[in-house]
Amino acid sequence: METKRAKDLMIPLEKYPHIPCWYTLLQAMEEMEKHQIEFHGRKSLPRAMLVFDLDSSLRGIIRRRDILRGLEPDFLTANPFQYSKKLFDVEIDPNLINLSYDNMIDEFKKRAERPVTDVMLPSEVTVNYMDHIMKIIYLIVKNNRSLLPVIKDNLVVGVVRSVEVYREITHAFMKNE
């Protein structure tokens, strides 16, 4: 297999969605909705965005599931997960759901004003521009991440997503069959 490095697998920062740390969850949602990532002829929607400080230093990553978690009402997050799970184990009259939908949307709108920093993942794991694909795989698996920021000369220059790494490995196997 030809040696692949982060620089060969990364999506350049200018083509990947990123936001400032003072954005709200609503602004992050809007930004994520208007982006489509194209990489080697394949299009996909972003599952995460990078979050930067005013001085362009990386603060963290916010994923779609982090945004959804940030929108959850207090009664679901204030209690242990097992308690919250029980709320959804009972049979509910479908008409009651329709009555409460507007109330839930209003609650979501209030919670969407929270800053992204409340729910983002801190950026603790990065890869170097010249890191080998095996190191990238190791870091993705070890840290349970679907993307890693790529650093060159102490600046974030892009991201490597697990989908591109997986595709590269899959193609390497298919070539050798």
C-alpha atoms as a PDB file:
ATOM      1  CA  MET A   1       0.000   0.000   0.000  1.00  0.00           C
ATOM      2  CA  GLU A   2       1.253   3.437  -0.934  1.00  0.00           C
ATOM      3  CA  THR A   3       2.097   5.448   2.174  1.00  0.00           C
ATOM      4  CA  LYS A   4      -0.717   7.882   2.861  1.00  0.00           C
ATOM      5  CA  ARG A   5      -0.343  10.762   5.233  1.00  0.00           C
ATOM      6  CA  ALA A   6      -2.740  13.224   6.824  1.00  0.00           C
ATOM      7  CA  LYS A   7      -1.956  15.749   4.083  1.00  0.00           C
ATOM      8  CA  ASP A   8      -3.215  13.241   1.471  1.00  0.00           C
ATOM      9  CA  LEU A   9      -6.448  12.428   3.306  1.00  0.00           C
ATOM     10  CA  MET A  10      -7.432  15.773   4.787  1.00  0.00           C
ATOM     11  CA  ILE A  11     -10.145  18.182   3.789  1.00  0.00           C
ATOM     12  CA  PRO A  12      -8.571  21.670   3.748  1.00  0.00           C
ATOM     13  CA  LEU A  13      -9.869  24.030   6.431  1.00  0.00           C
ATOM     14  CA  GLU A  14     -11.280  26.440   3.849  1.00  0.00           C
ATOM     15  CA  LYS A  15     -13.563  23.644   2.583  1.00  0.00           C
ATOM     16  CA  TYR A  16     -14.655  22.424   6.024  1.00  0.00           C
ATOM     17  CA  PRO A  17     -17.232  24.239   8.169  1.00  0.00           C
ATOM     18  CA  HIS A  18     -15.894  26.058  11.196  1.00  0.00           C
ATOM     19  CA  ILE A  19     -17.352  28.632  13.542  1.00  0.00           C
ATOM     20  CA  PRO A  20     -16.248  31.068  16.243  1.00  0.00           C
ATOM     21  CA  CYS A  21     -16.637  30.025  19.877  1.00  0.00           C
ATOM     22  CA  TRP A  22     -19.200  32.750  20.632  1.00  0.00           C
ATOM     23  CA  TYR A  23     -21.791  31.234  18.275  1.00  0.00           C
ATOM     24  CA  THR A  24     -25.017  29.908  19.723  1.00  0.00           C
ATOM     25  CA  LEU A  25     -26.364  26.429  19.062  1.00  0.00           C
ATOM     26  CA  LEU A  26     -28.858  27.980  16.649  1.00  0.00           C
ATOM     27  CA  GLN A  27     -26.087  29.694  14.680  1.00  0.00           C
ATOM     28  CA  ALA A  28     -24.140  26.432  14.609  1.00  0.00           C
ATOM     29  CA  MET A  29     -27.217  24.614  13.298  1.00  0.00           C
ATOM     30  CA  GLU A  30     -27.682  27.209  10.572  1.00  0.00           C
ATOM     31  CA  GLU A  31     -24.013  26.995   9.578  1.00  0.00           C
ATOM     32  CA  MET A  32     -24.055  23.213   9.485  1.00  0.00           C
ATOM     33  CA  GLU A  33     -27.213  23.158   7.365  1.00  0.00           C
ATOM     34  CA  LYS A  34     -25.751  25.330   4.623  1.00  0.00           C
ATOM     35  CA  HIS A  35     -22.563  23.304   4.135  1.00  0.00           C
ATOM     36  CA  GLN A  36     -21.965  20.341   1.914  1.00  0.00           C
ATOM     37  CA  ILE A  37     -18.532  18.758   1.794  1.00  0.00           C
ATOM     38  CA  GLU A  38     -17.135  17.531  -1.495  1.00  0.00           C
ATOM     39  CA  PHE A  39     -14.061  15.353  -1.355  1.00  0.00           C
ATOM     40  CA  HIS A  40     -12.709  13.310  -4.266  1.00  0.00           C
ATOM     41  CA  GLY A  41     -16.001  13.589  -6.137  1.00  0.00           C
ATOM     42  CA  ARG A  42     -18.164  12.463  -3.213  1.00  0.00           C
ATOM     43  CA  LYS A  43     -20.548  14.787  -1.420  1.00  0.00           C
ATOM     44  CA  SER A  44     -21.640  14.563   2.192  1.00  0.00           C
ATOM     45  CA  LEU A  45     -23.137  16.686   4.911  1.00  0.00           C
ATOM     46  CA  PRO A  46     -20.893  17.646   7.819  1.00  0.00           C
ATOM     47  CA  ARG A  47     -21.393  15.742  11.036  1.00  0.00           C
ATOM     48  CA  ALA A  48     -19.223  18.151  12.988  1.00  0.00           C
ATOM     49  CA  MET A  49     -17.639  21.591  12.845  1.00  0.00           C
ATOM     50  CA  LEU A  50     -14.471  23.038  14.274  1.00  0.00           C
ATOM     51  CA  VAL A  51     -14.798  25.808  16.860  1.00  0.00           C
ATOM     52  CA  PHE A  52     -12.163  28.573  16.987  1.00  0.00           C
ATOM     53  CA  ASP A  53     -11.230  31.409  19.357  1.00  0.00           C
ATOM     54  CA  LEU A  54     -10.880  35.017  18.295  1.00  0.00           C
ATOM     55  CA  ASP A  55      -7.137  34.452  17.795  1.00  0.00           C
ATOM     56  CA  SER A  56      -7.859  31.520  15.428  1.00  0.00           C
ATOM     57  CA  SER A  57      -6.771  28.878  17.929  1.00  0.00           C
ATOM     58  CA  LEU A  58      -8.802  25.682  17.948  1.00  0.00           C
ATOM     59  CA  ARG A  59     -11.153  25.425  20.939  1.00  0.00           C
ATOM     60  CA  GLY A  60     -13.047  22.273  20.101  1.00  0.00           C
ATOM     61  CA  ILE A  61     -15.381  20.308  17.881  1.00  0.00           C
ATOM     62  CA  ILE A  62     -19.151  20.396  17.900  1.00  0.00           C
ATOM     63  CA  ARG A  63     -21.038  17.443  16.448  1.00  0.00           C
ATOM     64  CA  ARG A  64     -24.697  17.180  15.466  1.00  0.00           C
ATOM     65  CA  ARG A  65     -25.331  14.970  18.507  1.00  0.00           C
ATOM     66  CA  ASP A  66     -23.730  17.602  20.782  1.00  0.00           C
ATOM     67  CA  ILE A  67     -26.171  20.176  19.425  1.00  0.00           C
ATOM     68  CA  LEU A  68     -29.088  17.800  19.985  1.00  0.00           C
ATOM     69  CA  ARG A  69     -27.862  17.135  23.530  1.00  0.00           C
ATOM     70  CA  GLY A  70     -27.704  20.897  24.085  1.00  0.00           C
ATOM     71  CA  LEU A  71     -31.324  21.247  23.013  1.00  0.00           C
ATOM     72  CA  GLU A  72     -32.626  18.594  25.404  1.00  0.00           C
ATOM     73  CA  PRO A  73     -35.026  19.975  28.005  1.00  0.00           C
ATOM     74  CA  ASP A  74     -33.866  20.105  31.627  1.00  0.00           C
ATOM     75  CA  PHE A  75     -36.261  17.381  32.752  1.00  0.00           C
ATOM     76  CA  LEU A  76     -34.407  14.914  30.502  1.00  0.00           C
ATOM     77  CA  THR A  77     -30.893  15.933  31.509  1.00  0.00           C
ATOM     78  CA  ALA A  78     -31.390  16.665  35.221  1.00  0.00           C
ATOM     79  CA  ASN A  79     -32.026  13.013  36.099  1.00  0.00           C
ATOM     80  CA  PRO A  80     -29.940   9.881  35.533  1.00  0.00           C
ATOM     81  CA  PHE A  81     -30.159   8.391  32.047  1.00  0.00           C
ATOM     82  CA  GLN A  82     -32.134   5.345  33.270  1.00  0.00           C
ATOM     83  CA  TYR A  83     -34.836   7.648  34.645  1.00  0.00           C
ATOM     84  CA  SER A  84     -35.036   9.610  31.386  1.00  0.00           C
ATOM     85  CA  LYS A  85     -35.212   6.347  29.444  1.00  0.00           C
ATOM     86  CA  LYS A  86     -38.249   5.241  31.503  1.00  0.00           C
ATOM     87  CA  LEU A  87     -40.160   8.315  30.328  1.00  0.00           C
ATOM     88  CA  PHE A  88     -40.158   6.854  26.825  1.00  0.00           C
ATOM     89  CA  ASP A  89     -40.993   3.273  27.855  1.00  0.00           C
ATOM     90  CA  VAL A  90     -44.673   3.976  28.504  1.00  0.00           C
ATOM     91  CA  GLU A  91     -47.453   3.877  25.946  1.00  0.00           C
ATOM     92  CA  ILE A  92     -48.488   7.437  25.156  1.00  0.00           C
ATOM     93  CA  ASP A  93     -51.637   8.660  23.521  1.00  0.00           C
ATOM     94  CA  PRO A  94     -50.429   9.972  20.110  1.00  0.00           C
ATOM     95  CA  ASN A  95     -52.718  13.001  20.470  1.00  0.00           C
ATOM     96  CA  LEU A  96     -50.802  14.170  23.551  1.00  0.00           C
ATOM     97  CA  ILE A  97     -47.610  14.333  21.505  1.00  0.00           C
ATOM     98  CA  ASN A  98     -49.276  16.697  19.037  1.00  0.00           C
ATOM     99  CA  LEU A  99     -50.422  18.957  21.869  1.00  0.00           C
ATOM    100  CA  SER A 100     -46.965  19.273  23.346  1.00  0.00           C
ATOM    101  CA  TYR A 101     -45.037  19.669  20.067  1.00  0.00           C
ATOM    102  CA  ASP A 102     -45.317  23.477  20.015  1.00  0.00           C
ATOM    103  CA  ASN A 103     -44.232  23.658  23.648  1.00  0.00           C
ATOM    104  CA  MET A 104     -41.179  21.538  22.881  1.00  0.00           C
ATOM    105  CA  ILE A 105     -40.248  23.691  19.880  1.00  0.00           C
ATOM    106  CA  ASP A 106     -40.473  26.787  22.088  1.00  0.00           C
ATOM    107  CA  GLU A 107     -38.205  25.088  24.636  1.00  0.00           C
ATOM    108  CA  PHE A 108     -35.759  24.095  21.877  1.00  0.00           C
ATOM    109  CA  LYS A 109     -35.658  27.706  20.656  1.00  0.00           C
ATOM    110  CA  LYS A 110     -34.763  28.938  24.150  1.00  0.00           C
ATOM    111  CA  ARG A 111     -32.069  26.324  24.584  1.00  0.00           C
ATOM    112  CA  ALA A 112     -30.706  27.031  21.090  1.00  0.00           C
ATOM    113  CA  GLU A 113     -29.470  30.397  22.415  1.00  0.00           C
ATOM    114  CA  ARG A 114     -26.849  28.600  24.532  1.00  0.00           C
ATOM    115  CA  PRO A 115     -23.221  29.041  23.396  1.00  0.00           C
ATOM    116  CA  VAL A 116     -21.607  26.152  21.513  1.00  0.00           C
ATOM    117  CA  THR A 117     -18.906  26.065  24.194  1.00  0.00           C
ATOM    118  CA  ASP A 118     -21.505  24.574  26.582  1.00  0.00           C
ATOM    119  CA  VAL A 119     -21.692  21.336  24.596  1.00  0.00           C
ATOM    120  CA  MET A 120     -18.656  21.113  22.286  1.00  0.00           C
ATOM    121  CA  LEU A 121     -15.907  18.556  22.726  1.00  0.00           C
ATOM    122  CA  PRO A 122     -12.571  20.056  23.683  1.00  0.00           C
ATOM    123  CA  SER A 123      -9.958  19.661  20.987  1.00  0.00           C
ATOM    124  CA  GLU A 124      -7.550  17.332  22.755  1.00  0.00           C
ATOM    125  CA  VAL A 125      -6.510  15.110  19.861  1.00  0.00           C
ATOM    126  CA  THR A 126      -4.950  16.318  16.629  1.00  0.00           C
ATOM    127  CA  VAL A 127      -2.721  14.866  13.925  1.00  0.00           C
ATOM    128  CA  ASN A 128       0.290  16.367  12.268  1.00  0.00           C
ATOM    129  CA  TYR A 129       0.198  17.183   8.555  1.00  0.00           C
ATOM    130  CA  MET A 130       2.809  14.466   7.857  1.00  0.00           C
ATOM    131  CA  ASP A 131       1.413  11.763  10.182  1.00  0.00           C
ATOM    132  CA  HIS A 132       1.111   8.286   8.653  1.00  0.00           C
ATOM    133  CA  ILE A 133      -2.329   6.731   8.059  1.00  0.00           C
ATOM    134  CA  MET A 134      -1.630   4.064  10.695  1.00  0.00           C
ATOM    135  CA  LYS A 135      -1.160   6.754  13.362  1.00  0.00           C
ATOM    136  CA  ILE A 136      -4.385   8.411  12.212  1.00  0.00           C
ATOM    137  CA  ILE A 137      -6.285   5.115  12.492  1.00  0.00           C
ATOM    138  CA  TYR A 138      -4.804   4.533  15.939  1.00  0.00           C
ATOM    139  CA  LEU A 139      -5.868   7.993  17.178  1.00  0.00           C
ATOM    140  CA  ILE A 140      -9.365   7.764  15.681  1.00  0.00           C
ATOM    141  CA  VAL A 141     -10.001   4.377  17.291  1.00  0.00           C
ATOM    142  CA  LYS A 142      -8.262   5.085  20.619  1.00  0.00           C
ATOM    143  CA  ASN A 143     -10.113   8.368  21.123  1.00  0.00           C
ATOM    144  CA  ASN A 144     -13.436   7.308  19.552  1.00  0.00           C
ATOM    145  CA  ARG A 145     -13.447  10.268  17.141  1.00  0.00           C
ATOM    146  CA  SER A 146     -14.862  10.531  13.656  1.00  0.00           C
ATOM    147  CA  LEU A 147     -12.566  13.403  12.700  1.00  0.00           C
ATOM    148  CA  LEU A 148      -9.247  14.839  13.760  1.00  0.00           C
ATOM    149  CA  PRO A 149      -7.929  18.346  13.119  1.00  0.00           C
ATOM    150  CA  VAL A 150      -4.712  18.430  11.060  1.00  0.00           C
ATOM    151  CA  ILE A 151      -1.908  20.697  12.308  1.00  0.00           C
ATOM    152  CA  LYS A 152       0.906  22.181  10.216  1.00  0.00           C
ATOM    153  CA  ASP A 153       3.307  24.785  11.607  1.00  0.00           C
ATOM    154  CA  ASN A 154       1.113  25.113  14.747  1.00  0.00           C
ATOM    155  CA  LEU A 155      -1.983  26.013  12.688  1.00  0.00           C
ATOM    156  CA  VAL A 156      -5.070  23.984  11.865  1.00  0.00           C
ATOM    157  CA  VAL A 157      -4.977  23.415   8.100  1.00  0.00           C
ATOM    158  CA  GLY A 158      -7.744  20.841   7.731  1.00  0.00           C
ATOM    159  CA  VAL A 159      -9.447  17.750   9.106  1.00  0.00           C
ATOM    160  CA  VAL A 160      -9.096  14.037   8.508  1.00  0.00           C
ATOM    161  CA  ARG A 161     -12.405  12.204   8.789  1.00  0.00           C
ATOM    162  CA  SER A 162     -12.785   8.518   9.539  1.00  0.00           C
ATOM    163  CA  VAL A 163     -14.849   8.126   6.364  1.00  0.00           C
ATOM    164  CA  GLU A 164     -11.867   9.039   4.145  1.00  0.00           C
ATOM    165  CA  VAL A 165      -9.498   6.855   6.168  1.00  0.00           C
ATOM    166  CA  TYR A 166     -11.938   3.948   5.938  1.00  0.00           C
ATOM    167  CA  ARG A 167     -12.346   4.487   2.207  1.00  0.00           C
ATOM    168  CA  GLU A 168      -8.564   4.513   1.710  1.00  0.00           C
ATOM    169  CA  ILE A 169      -8.144   1.250   3.609  1.00  0.00           C
ATOM    170  CA  THR A 170     -11.072  -0.362   1.770  1.00  0.00           C
ATOM    171  CA  HIS A 171      -9.629   0.616  -1.615  1.00  0.00           C
ATOM    172  CA  ALA A 172      -6.219  -0.767  -0.595  1.00  0.00           C
ATOM    173  CA  PHE A 173      -7.821  -4.129   0.206  1.00  0.00           C
ATOM    174  CA  MET A 174      -9.832  -4.200  -3.012  1.00  0.00           C
ATOM    175  CA  LYS A 175      -6.725  -3.450  -5.110  1.00  0.00           C
ATOM    176  CA  ASN A 176      -4.863  -6.378  -3.567  1.00  0.00           C
ATOM    177  CA  GLU A 177      -7.577  -8.979  -4.172  1.00  0.00           C
END
